[in-house]
């Protein structure tokens, strides 16, 4: 699936990867994730996309973002948007799809293989556009949940589908390294 001569770029939909890993019962060790893909080819870039609530004094994702930023990942964030829906309920929205798609299209001429960590069907058109530019695209998600975390049309469009559960032994955090749960369900620590 990977050729060691390939220049590879990772595009990680942070919220989607977090939900997928949690649904199949493990935590991602981002240091091991980077090493795994560095061993597959020449890892040119690893992008991580997430939206942040800016007004919060403390955000549980902030330590992860800071760690990623200092340890080989290019982190792209934007503030979530708050709005009131038609029923009067307060909602927040933090979609990073456009940022990820624009960056992937800008990077396409510099890489041979793009690895997308997301099951979001909205990315099918992006995958098709990258393929038209002659690039190989692998998508990482899971079929092991009910319903599957990956959209069927995205899985079919990808050159390769990588089942996240198959990477668990190589990129999962060791259970002994998992931090103790706190009352606020903040399960992040300083070693990602």
Foldseek 3Di string as FASTA:
>chain_A
DFDQAWEEEEQEAAVQLQVQCVQVPFAFQVLLVVVVVVVRYPHPAYEYEWEAAPVDPDDLCVLVQVLQVVRGHHYDYYHWDWDADPVRDIDTDGDCVVVSLVVCVVCLVPTAEYEYEFQDPVCLVSLQVSVVVVHAYEYEGAPPDVNGRHDPSSCVSHPYYDYVVVCCVRGTDDPVPFDDQDPVRSGDDNRD
